[in-house]
């Protein structure tokens, strides 16, 4: 199957049991079982990876670590990524449960903004995301960005 990237933004609520619907367009790509982890510091969100993408990322990071290619800071980020991750299963209605620990870390309350970011999804509190977005845009020039890849 050709790799389909995640894109778009959605707003969904958390119910009293911290369950949230995954948008239909993401469900097939994400799969019924996937991995959630904390976003790298200082971000206060959560990332969701399809199992295959997670495995590829882990292999790449483990190889770089074994070869001494990661800085001490990157080693801690890798360690925290594994330490604060878990497997998640979607129920038959397309919902997942966000644990209390994840809700506390990401400061998720009643509403969650779900952002497609190429190979993964991001879950944010809307107010925290708005502040982070505003901060990241302070030095941007208005207009179409020139991407230098």
Foldseek 3Di string as FASTA:
>chain_A
DDQDFFADKDKWWQDPQQKTADDPVCDVNQDQKWKKFADFPPAQKIKIARNVVVVVVLVVLVVCVVVVNDDPSVVVSNVRRVVGMDMWGADPRRMTHQDPVSCVSQVPDTMWMWGTDTRIIITHRVVSVVVVVCVVCPPPDPDDDDDDD
